[in-house]
Amino acid sequence: MLAPQRQQAILAQVRRAGGVRVADLVAELGVSDMTIRRDLEVLAERGLVIKVHGGATAPPSGVADEPGFAAKAERQRAEKAALAEAAAAHVQPGSAVALSAGTTTVRIAQRLVDVPGLTVVTNSIPVADVFYRAGRPDQTVVLTGGTRTPSDALVGPIAIASLRDLHVDQLFLGVHGMSTEAGLTTPNLLEAETDRALIAATRRLVVVADHTKWQTLGIASIAPLTAAHLLITDAEPPTGVRDLLTVELTDQ
């Protein structure tokens, strides 16, 4: 296979799945790791993909663009790990917490599997799976029903109805984007409604988002920045944000 043909095949897979791994492409196309990395470099220079650790993802195309879960999971891996560690420090044994859908909240779930006596409410299939695989008998996990999105969130009327009568101590909310004007945003209209239902069920809203989320705009606003009791992030936010809410910075 010639390089242009190979690169076209890689690009088609990125567009179809939202992202690719170098190891998978090596096995699928029967070429070396270095060859795949050169192909990704060529595609990245043309603006057709975004190189990430171990592979590449599709670039965002607009406010309604919603990358798949696998694609988002490869972005800002170190930052998400640090955010998850900081978020988990706020959870007490025996408390009830909610985790929204997202790759950052999955990292938080991985940090919470050792906290005894937790009740966890989530609309994220991957989050629920983290706790299911841990198999702790002293933890209770409530997974909402609903319609599945590309980011593996369960959304819509069924999800909202299941949250209506629930009450949790705190919610860890991942977001697609943040700005002082639009607030917390998502590229999925139904996910915005479901996230608002999660917010209504909690006593304390903790937004967990890395620096790339600033000035990124999703089509639907979830809530204003001031709805958050705490923002955990990895870099100093834009001017004026600290006047609106409490900010905790990680070391990452």
C-alpha atoms as a PDB file:
ATOM      1  CA  MET A   1       0.000   0.000   0.000  1.00  0.00           C
ATOM      2  CA  LEU A   2       1.367   3.405  -0.992  1.00  0.00           C
ATOM      3  CA  ALA A   3       1.706   6.143   1.625  1.00  0.00           C
ATOM      4  CA  PRO A   4      -1.215   8.253   0.276  1.00  0.00           C
ATOM      5  CA  GLN A   5      -3.490   5.199   0.291  1.00  0.00           C
ATOM      6  CA  ARG A   6      -2.400   4.300   3.808  1.00  0.00           C
ATOM      7  CA  GLN A   7      -2.945   7.845   5.054  1.00  0.00           C
ATOM      8  CA  GLN A   8      -6.399   7.936   3.483  1.00  0.00           C
ATOM      9  CA  ALA A   9      -7.265   4.678   5.258  1.00  0.00           C
ATOM     10  CA  ILE A  10      -6.033   6.109   8.562  1.00  0.00           C
ATOM     11  CA  LEU A  11      -8.013   9.307   8.040  1.00  0.00           C
ATOM     12  CA  ALA A  12     -11.183   7.373   7.247  1.00  0.00           C
ATOM     13  CA  GLN A  13     -10.804   5.416  10.485  1.00  0.00           C
ATOM     14  CA  VAL A  14     -10.221   8.590  12.517  1.00  0.00           C
ATOM     15  CA  ARG A  15     -13.363  10.150  11.076  1.00  0.00           C
ATOM     16  CA  ARG A  16     -15.382   7.007  11.682  1.00  0.00           C
ATOM     17  CA  ALA A  17     -14.214   6.238  15.241  1.00  0.00           C
ATOM     18  CA  GLY A  18     -13.091   9.667  16.419  1.00  0.00           C
ATOM     19  CA  GLY A  19      -9.562   8.433  17.073  1.00  0.00           C
ATOM     20  CA  VAL A  20      -6.955   5.747  16.387  1.00  0.00           C
ATOM     21  CA  ARG A  21      -4.118   4.047  18.254  1.00  0.00           C
ATOM     22  CA  VAL A  22      -0.691   3.551  16.703  1.00  0.00           C
ATOM     23  CA  ALA A  23      -0.534  -0.060  17.914  1.00  0.00           C
ATOM     24  CA  ASP A  24      -3.881  -0.901  16.285  1.00  0.00           C
ATOM     25  CA  LEU A  25      -2.829   0.678  12.975  1.00  0.00           C
ATOM     26  CA  VAL A  26       0.465  -1.223  12.989  1.00  0.00           C
ATOM     27  CA  ALA A  27      -1.411  -4.516  13.353  1.00  0.00           C
ATOM     28  CA  GLU A  28      -4.129  -3.603  10.858  1.00  0.00           C
ATOM     29  CA  LEU A  29      -1.933  -2.158   8.098  1.00  0.00           C
ATOM     30  CA  GLY A  30       1.095  -4.404   8.557  1.00  0.00           C
ATOM     31  CA  VAL A  31       3.688  -1.628   8.682  1.00  0.00           C
ATOM     32  CA  SER A  32       6.123  -0.413  11.312  1.00  0.00           C
ATOM     33  CA  ASP A  33       5.402   1.803  14.273  1.00  0.00           C
ATOM     34  CA  MET A  34       7.660   4.489  12.763  1.00  0.00           C
ATOM     35  CA  THR A  35       5.767   4.407   9.452  1.00  0.00           C
ATOM     36  CA  ILE A  36       2.438   4.960  11.192  1.00  0.00           C
ATOM     37  CA  ARG A  37       3.886   7.814  13.240  1.00  0.00           C
ATOM     38  CA  ARG A  38       5.181   9.472  10.051  1.00  0.00           C
ATOM     39  CA  ASP A  39       1.736   9.091   8.475  1.00  0.00           C
ATOM     40  CA  LEU A  40       0.096  10.711  11.505  1.00  0.00           C
ATOM     41  CA  GLU A  41       2.640  13.525  11.374  1.00  0.00           C
ATOM     42  CA  VAL A  42       1.740  14.206   7.743  1.00  0.00           C
ATOM     43  CA  LEU A  43      -1.989  14.214   8.529  1.00  0.00           C
ATOM     44  CA  ALA A  44      -1.457  16.441  11.574  1.00  0.00           C
ATOM     45  CA  GLU A  45       0.547  18.967   9.532  1.00  0.00           C
ATOM     46  CA  ARG A  46      -2.403  19.179   7.132  1.00  0.00           C
ATOM     47  CA  GLY A  47      -4.776  19.780  10.046  1.00  0.00           C
ATOM     48  CA  LEU A  48      -6.697  16.570   9.422  1.00  0.00           C
ATOM     49  CA  VAL A  49      -5.940  14.920  12.785  1.00  0.00           C
ATOM     50  CA  ILE A  50      -4.645  15.903  16.211  1.00  0.00           C
ATOM     51  CA  LYS A  51      -1.690  13.857  17.438  1.00  0.00           C
ATOM     52  CA  VAL A  52      -2.051  12.559  20.994  1.00  0.00           C
ATOM     53  CA  HIS A  53      -0.101  10.129  23.153  1.00  0.00           C
ATOM     54  CA  GLY A  54      -0.163   6.781  21.369  1.00  0.00           C
ATOM     55  CA  GLY A  55      -2.285   7.831  18.420  1.00  0.00           C
ATOM     56  CA  ALA A  56      -4.434  10.605  16.964  1.00  0.00           C
ATOM     57  CA  THR A  57      -7.930  12.045  17.244  1.00  0.00           C
ATOM     58  CA  ALA A  58     -10.207  13.977  14.945  1.00  0.00           C
ATOM     59  CA  PRO A  59     -10.052  17.774  15.235  1.00  0.00           C
ATOM     60  CA  PRO A  60     -13.174  19.548  16.524  1.00  0.00           C
ATOM     61  CA  SER A  61     -15.441  20.850  13.776  1.00  0.00           C
ATOM     62  CA  GLY A  62     -17.857  23.116  15.628  1.00  0.00           C
ATOM     63  CA  VAL A  63     -20.085  23.685  18.632  1.00  0.00           C
ATOM     64  CA  ALA A  64     -22.142  20.563  17.896  1.00  0.00           C
ATOM     65  CA  ASP A  65     -19.139  18.297  17.318  1.00  0.00           C
ATOM     66  CA  GLU A  66     -19.073  15.443  19.834  1.00  0.00           C
ATOM     67  CA  PRO A  67     -15.953  13.249  19.783  1.00  0.00           C
ATOM     68  CA  GLY A  68     -16.335   9.624  20.816  1.00  0.00           C
ATOM     69  CA  PHE A  69     -15.335   8.434  24.274  1.00  0.00           C
ATOM     70  CA  ALA A  70     -12.204   6.636  23.017  1.00  0.00           C
ATOM     71  CA  ALA A  71     -10.997   9.749  21.216  1.00  0.00           C
ATOM     72  CA  LYS A  72     -11.475  12.002  24.227  1.00  0.00           C
ATOM     73  CA  ALA A  73      -9.832   9.500  26.553  1.00  0.00           C
ATOM     74  CA  GLU A  74      -6.499  10.020  24.770  1.00  0.00           C
ATOM     75  CA  ARG A  75      -6.459  13.774  25.342  1.00  0.00           C
ATOM     76  CA  GLN A  76      -4.703  15.412  28.337  1.00  0.00           C
ATOM     77  CA  ARG A  77      -4.112  12.071  30.060  1.00  0.00           C
ATOM     78  CA  ALA A  78      -1.669  13.396  32.675  1.00  0.00           C
ATOM     79  CA  GLU A  79      -3.843  16.407  33.435  1.00  0.00           C
ATOM     80  CA  LYS A  80      -6.928  14.226  33.923  1.00  0.00           C
ATOM     81  CA  ALA A  81      -5.051  11.934  36.294  1.00  0.00           C
ATOM     82  CA  ALA A  82      -4.044  14.903  38.454  1.00  0.00           C
ATOM     83  CA  LEU A  83      -7.578  16.319  38.398  1.00  0.00           C
ATOM     84  CA  ALA A  84      -9.011  12.957  39.447  1.00  0.00           C
ATOM     85  CA  GLU A  85      -6.646  12.694  42.383  1.00  0.00           C
ATOM     86  CA  ALA A  86      -7.598  16.177  43.581  1.00  0.00           C
ATOM     87  CA  ALA A  87     -11.318  15.471  43.171  1.00  0.00           C
ATOM     88  CA  ALA A  88     -11.180  12.162  45.056  1.00  0.00           C
ATOM     89  CA  ALA A  89      -9.682  13.946  48.063  1.00  0.00           C
ATOM     90  CA  HIS A  90     -13.049  15.685  48.535  1.00  0.00           C
ATOM     91  CA  VAL A  91     -14.986  12.423  48.968  1.00  0.00           C
ATOM     92  CA  GLN A  92     -15.703  11.034  52.428  1.00  0.00           C
ATOM     93  CA  PRO A  93     -16.448   7.364  53.188  1.00  0.00           C
ATOM     94  CA  GLY A  94     -20.146   6.636  53.392  1.00  0.00           C
ATOM     95  CA  SER A  95     -21.200   9.640  51.313  1.00  0.00           C
ATOM     96  CA  ALA A  96     -23.410   9.792  48.223  1.00  0.00           C
ATOM     97  CA  VAL A  97     -21.781  11.216  45.106  1.00  0.00           C
ATOM     98  CA  ALA A  98     -22.810  11.674  41.502  1.00  0.00           C
ATOM     99  CA  LEU A  99     -20.470  11.475  38.532  1.00  0.00           C
ATOM    100  CA  SER A 100     -21.479  12.859  35.165  1.00  0.00           C
ATOM    101  CA  ALA A 101     -20.359  11.265  31.920  1.00  0.00           C
ATOM    102  CA  GLY A 102     -16.896  12.008  30.578  1.00  0.00           C
ATOM    103  CA  THR A 103     -13.331  10.763  30.444  1.00  0.00           C
ATOM    104  CA  THR A 104     -12.255  12.860  33.431  1.00  0.00           C
ATOM    105  CA  THR A 105     -15.028  11.473  35.621  1.00  0.00           C
ATOM    106  CA  VAL A 106     -13.971   7.942  34.681  1.00  0.00           C
ATOM    107  CA  ARG A 107     -10.553   8.784  36.119  1.00  0.00           C
ATOM    108  CA  ILE A 108     -12.282  10.011  39.289  1.00  0.00           C
ATOM    109  CA  ALA A 109     -14.225   6.738  39.508  1.00  0.00           C
ATOM    110  CA  GLN A 110     -10.960   4.819  39.366  1.00  0.00           C
ATOM    111  CA  ARG A 111      -9.791   6.820  42.388  1.00  0.00           C
ATOM    112  CA  LEU A 112     -13.017   6.201  44.313  1.00  0.00           C
ATOM    113  CA  VAL A 113     -13.243   2.415  44.110  1.00  0.00           C
ATOM    114  CA  ASP A 114     -11.293   2.115  47.374  1.00  0.00           C
ATOM    115  CA  VAL A 115     -13.523   4.518  49.332  1.00  0.00           C
ATOM    116  CA  PRO A 116     -15.753   2.435  51.620  1.00  0.00           C
ATOM    117  CA  GLY A 117     -19.510   2.759  51.825  1.00  0.00           C
ATOM    118  CA  LEU A 118     -20.036   4.982  48.810  1.00  0.00           C
ATOM    119  CA  THR A 119     -23.315   5.408  46.983  1.00  0.00           C
ATOM    120  CA  VAL A 120     -22.619   6.485  43.407  1.00  0.00           C
ATOM    121  CA  VAL A 121     -25.169   7.908  40.973  1.00  0.00           C
ATOM    122  CA  THR A 122     -24.091   8.224  37.343  1.00  0.00           C
ATOM    123  CA  ASN A 123     -25.356   8.475  33.789  1.00  0.00           C
ATOM    124  CA  SER A 124     -22.028   7.179  32.463  1.00  0.00           C
ATOM    125  CA  ILE A 125     -21.695   3.568  31.326  1.00  0.00           C
ATOM    126  CA  PRO A 126     -17.871   3.578  31.679  1.00  0.00           C
ATOM    127  CA  VAL A 127     -18.093   5.079  35.194  1.00  0.00           C
ATOM    128  CA  ALA A 128     -20.563   2.422  36.308  1.00  0.00           C
ATOM    129  CA  ASP A 129     -18.354  -0.257  34.769  1.00  0.00           C
ATOM    130  CA  VAL A 130     -15.349   0.894  36.845  1.00  0.00           C
ATOM    131  CA  PHE A 131     -17.276   0.253  40.067  1.00  0.00           C
ATOM    132  CA  TYR A 132     -18.844  -2.955  38.755  1.00  0.00           C
ATOM    133  CA  ARG A 133     -15.422  -4.428  37.964  1.00  0.00           C
ATOM    134  CA  ALA A 134     -14.119  -3.453  41.408  1.00  0.00           C
ATOM    135  CA  GLY A 135     -16.949  -5.486  42.933  1.00  0.00           C
ATOM    136  CA  ARG A 136     -17.009  -3.914  46.393  1.00  0.00           C
ATOM    137  CA  PRO A 137     -20.069  -5.169  48.306  1.00  0.00           C
ATOM    138  CA  ASP A 138     -20.158  -2.006  50.456  1.00  0.00           C
ATOM    139  CA  GLN A 139     -20.637   0.304  47.466  1.00  0.00           C
ATOM    140  CA  THR A 140     -23.947   0.975  45.727  1.00  0.00           C
ATOM    141  CA  VAL A 141     -24.026   2.177  42.134  1.00  0.00           C
ATOM    142  CA  VAL A 142     -27.148   3.669  40.532  1.00  0.00           C
ATOM    143  CA  LEU A 143     -26.931   3.877  36.717  1.00  0.00           C
ATOM    144  CA  THR A 144     -29.622   5.934  35.047  1.00  0.00           C
ATOM    145  CA  GLY A 145     -31.358   4.639  31.972  1.00  0.00           C
ATOM    146  CA  GLY A 146     -31.592   6.713  28.828  1.00  0.00           C
ATOM    147  CA  THR A 147     -30.355   7.096  25.286  1.00  0.00           C
ATOM    148  CA  ARG A 148     -26.632   6.554  24.720  1.00  0.00           C
ATOM    149  CA  THR A 149     -24.535   9.373  23.217  1.00  0.00           C
ATOM    150  CA  PRO A 150     -21.166   9.151  21.375  1.00  0.00           C
ATOM    151  CA  SER A 151     -19.468  10.028  24.691  1.00  0.00           C
ATOM    152  CA  ASP A 152     -21.167   7.041  26.390  1.00  0.00           C
ATOM    153  CA  ALA A 153     -23.577   9.200  28.408  1.00  0.00           C
ATOM    154  CA  LEU A 154     -27.146   8.096  29.078  1.00  0.00           C
ATOM    155  CA  VAL A 155     -29.416  11.070  28.421  1.00  0.00           C
ATOM    156  CA  GLY A 156     -32.975  12.093  27.724  1.00  0.00           C
ATOM    157  CA  PRO A 157     -36.345  11.793  29.501  1.00  0.00           C
ATOM    158  CA  ILE A 158     -35.667   8.420  31.120  1.00  0.00           C
ATOM    159  CA  ALA A 159     -32.359   9.593  32.588  1.00  0.00           C
ATOM    160  CA  ILE A 160     -33.925  12.817  33.841  1.00  0.00           C
ATOM    161  CA  ALA A 161     -36.882  11.004  35.396  1.00  0.00           C
ATOM    162  CA  SER A 162     -34.577   8.611  37.253  1.00  0.00           C
ATOM    163  CA  LEU A 163     -32.717  11.560  38.809  1.00  0.00           C
ATOM    164  CA  ARG A 164     -35.781  13.559  39.825  1.00  0.00           C
ATOM    165  CA  ASP A 165     -36.199  12.120  43.337  1.00  0.00           C
ATOM    166  CA  LEU A 166     -32.527  11.519  44.151  1.00  0.00           C
ATOM    167  CA  HIS A 167     -30.329  13.580  46.477  1.00  0.00           C
ATOM    168  CA  VAL A 168     -26.521  13.353  46.687  1.00  0.00           C
ATOM    169  CA  ASP A 169     -23.861  15.119  48.724  1.00  0.00           C
ATOM    170  CA  GLN A 170     -21.853  16.290  45.742  1.00  0.00           C
ATOM    171  CA  LEU A 171     -21.665  16.013  41.972  1.00  0.00           C
ATOM    172  CA  PHE A 172     -18.446  15.831  39.972  1.00  0.00           C
ATOM    173  CA  LEU A 173     -19.268  17.313  36.592  1.00  0.00           C
ATOM    174  CA  GLY A 174     -17.122  17.054  33.490  1.00  0.00           C
ATOM    175  CA  VAL A 175     -17.780  19.569  30.714  1.00  0.00           C
ATOM    176  CA  HIS A 176     -16.993  20.028  27.037  1.00  0.00           C
ATOM    177  CA  GLY A 177     -16.240  23.725  27.418  1.00  0.00           C
ATOM    178  CA  MET A 178     -16.327  26.725  29.755  1.00  0.00           C
ATOM    179  CA  SER A 179     -16.494  30.484  29.354  1.00  0.00           C
ATOM    180  CA  THR A 180     -17.578  33.402  31.505  1.00  0.00           C
ATOM    181  CA  GLU A 181     -20.251  34.250  28.949  1.00  0.00           C
ATOM    182  CA  ALA A 182     -21.731  30.841  28.087  1.00  0.00           C
ATOM    183  CA  GLY A 183     -20.875  29.096  31.356  1.00  0.00           C
ATOM    184  CA  LEU A 184     -20.544  25.307  31.318  1.00  0.00           C
ATOM    185  CA  THR A 185     -21.354  23.833  27.911  1.00  0.00           C
ATOM    186  CA  THR A 186     -21.786  20.565  26.007  1.00  0.00           C
ATOM    187  CA  PRO A 187     -22.169  19.697  22.294  1.00  0.00           C
ATOM    188  CA  ASN A 188     -25.235  17.538  23.037  1.00  0.00           C
ATOM    189  CA  LEU A 189     -28.613  19.145  23.776  1.00  0.00           C
ATOM    190  CA  LEU A 190     -30.005  16.129  25.638  1.00  0.00           C
ATOM    191  CA  GLU A 191     -26.844  15.814  27.707  1.00  0.00           C
ATOM    192  CA  ALA A 192     -27.246  19.441  28.800  1.00  0.00           C
ATOM    193  CA  GLU A 193     -30.734  18.666  30.126  1.00  0.00           C
ATOM    194  CA  THR A 194     -29.503  15.538  31.919  1.00  0.00           C
ATOM    195  CA  ASP A 195     -26.567  17.404  33.460  1.00  0.00           C
ATOM    196  CA  ARG A 196     -29.006  20.027  34.772  1.00  0.00           C
ATOM    197  CA  ALA A 197     -30.994  17.218  36.408  1.00  0.00           C
ATOM    198  CA  LEU A 198     -27.787  15.968  38.049  1.00  0.00           C
ATOM    199  CA  ILE A 199     -27.081  19.484  39.329  1.00  0.00           C
ATOM    200  CA  ALA A 200     -30.599  19.737  40.747  1.00  0.00           C
ATOM    201  CA  ALA A 201     -30.010  16.511  42.696  1.00  0.00           C
ATOM    202  CA  THR A 202     -26.826  17.649  44.441  1.00  0.00           C
ATOM    203  CA  ARG A 203     -25.966  19.813  47.427  1.00  0.00           C
ATOM    204  CA  ARG A 204     -22.505  20.678  46.073  1.00  0.00           C
ATOM    205  CA  LEU A 205     -21.376  21.006  42.459  1.00  0.00           C
ATOM    206  CA  VAL A 206     -17.693  20.365  41.709  1.00  0.00           C
ATOM    207  CA  VAL A 207     -16.635  21.034  38.113  1.00  0.00           C
ATOM    208  CA  VAL A 208     -13.520  19.124  37.063  1.00  0.00           C
ATOM    209  CA  ALA A 209     -11.967  20.365  33.825  1.00  0.00           C
ATOM    210  CA  ASP A 210      -8.492  20.871  32.371  1.00  0.00           C
ATOM    211  CA  HIS A 211      -7.212  24.102  30.819  1.00  0.00           C
ATOM    212  CA  THR A 212      -8.220  23.147  27.249  1.00  0.00           C
ATOM    213  CA  LYS A 213     -11.893  23.568  28.176  1.00  0.00           C
ATOM    214  CA  TRP A 214     -11.581  27.343  28.575  1.00  0.00           C
ATOM    215  CA  GLN A 215     -13.173  29.248  25.678  1.00  0.00           C
ATOM    216  CA  THR A 216     -14.242  25.949  24.092  1.00  0.00           C
ATOM    217  CA  LEU A 217     -17.910  26.302  23.227  1.00  0.00           C
ATOM    218  CA  GLY A 218     -20.550  23.582  23.057  1.00  0.00           C
ATOM    219  CA  ILE A 219     -23.927  24.215  21.451  1.00  0.00           C
ATOM    220  CA  ALA A 220     -25.863  23.955  24.741  1.00  0.00           C
ATOM    221  CA  SER A 221     -25.267  25.698  28.060  1.00  0.00           C
ATOM    222  CA  ILE A 222     -25.599  23.499  31.149  1.00  0.00           C
ATOM    223  CA  ALA A 223     -25.311  26.145  33.855  1.00  0.00           C
ATOM    224  CA  PRO A 224     -23.493  29.415  34.568  1.00  0.00           C
ATOM    225  CA  LEU A 225     -20.019  29.248  36.095  1.00  0.00           C
ATOM    226  CA  THR A 226     -21.459  30.596  39.334  1.00  0.00           C
ATOM    227  CA  ALA A 227     -23.490  27.396  39.777  1.00  0.00           C
ATOM    228  CA  ALA A 228     -20.267  25.577  40.700  1.00  0.00           C
ATOM    229  CA  HIS A 229     -19.234  25.540  44.344  1.00  0.00           C
ATOM    230  CA  LEU A 230     -15.711  24.513  43.302  1.00  0.00           C
ATOM    231  CA  LEU A 231     -13.711  24.323  40.081  1.00  0.00           C
ATOM    232  CA  ILE A 232     -10.791  21.884  40.020  1.00  0.00           C
ATOM    233  CA  THR A 233      -8.472  22.659  37.111  1.00  0.00           C
ATOM    234  CA  ASP A 234      -4.813  22.425  36.130  1.00  0.00           C
ATOM    235  CA  ALA A 235      -3.963  26.026  35.187  1.00  0.00           C
ATOM    236  CA  GLU A 236      -4.837  29.525  36.297  1.00  0.00           C
ATOM    237  CA  PRO A 237      -8.252  30.394  34.805  1.00  0.00           C
ATOM    238  CA  PRO A 238      -8.959  33.584  32.835  1.00  0.00           C
ATOM    239  CA  THR A 239      -9.056  36.928  34.579  1.00  0.00           C
ATOM    240  CA  GLY A 240     -12.108  37.409  36.757  1.00  0.00           C
ATOM    241  CA  VAL A 241     -13.026  33.749  37.166  1.00  0.00           C
ATOM    242  CA  ARG A 242     -11.726  33.626  40.736  1.00  0.00           C
ATOM    243  CA  ASP A 243     -14.176  36.418  41.542  1.00  0.00           C
ATOM    244  CA  LEU A 244     -17.039  34.147  40.465  1.00  0.00           C
ATOM    245  CA  LEU A 245     -16.223  30.847  42.157  1.00  0.00           C
ATOM    246  CA  THR A 246     -13.682  28.956  44.239  1.00  0.00           C
ATOM    247  CA  VAL A 247     -10.820  27.487  42.201  1.00  0.00           C
ATOM    248  CA  GLU A 248      -8.481  24.656  43.192  1.00  0.00           C
ATOM    249  CA  LEU A 249      -5.365  24.126  41.072  1.00  0.00           C
ATOM    250  CA  THR A 250      -3.628  20.787  40.700  1.00  0.00           C
ATOM    251  CA  ASP A 251       0.157  20.457  40.538  1.00  0.00           C
ATOM    252  CA  GLN A 252       0.007  19.187  36.947  1.00  0.00           C
END
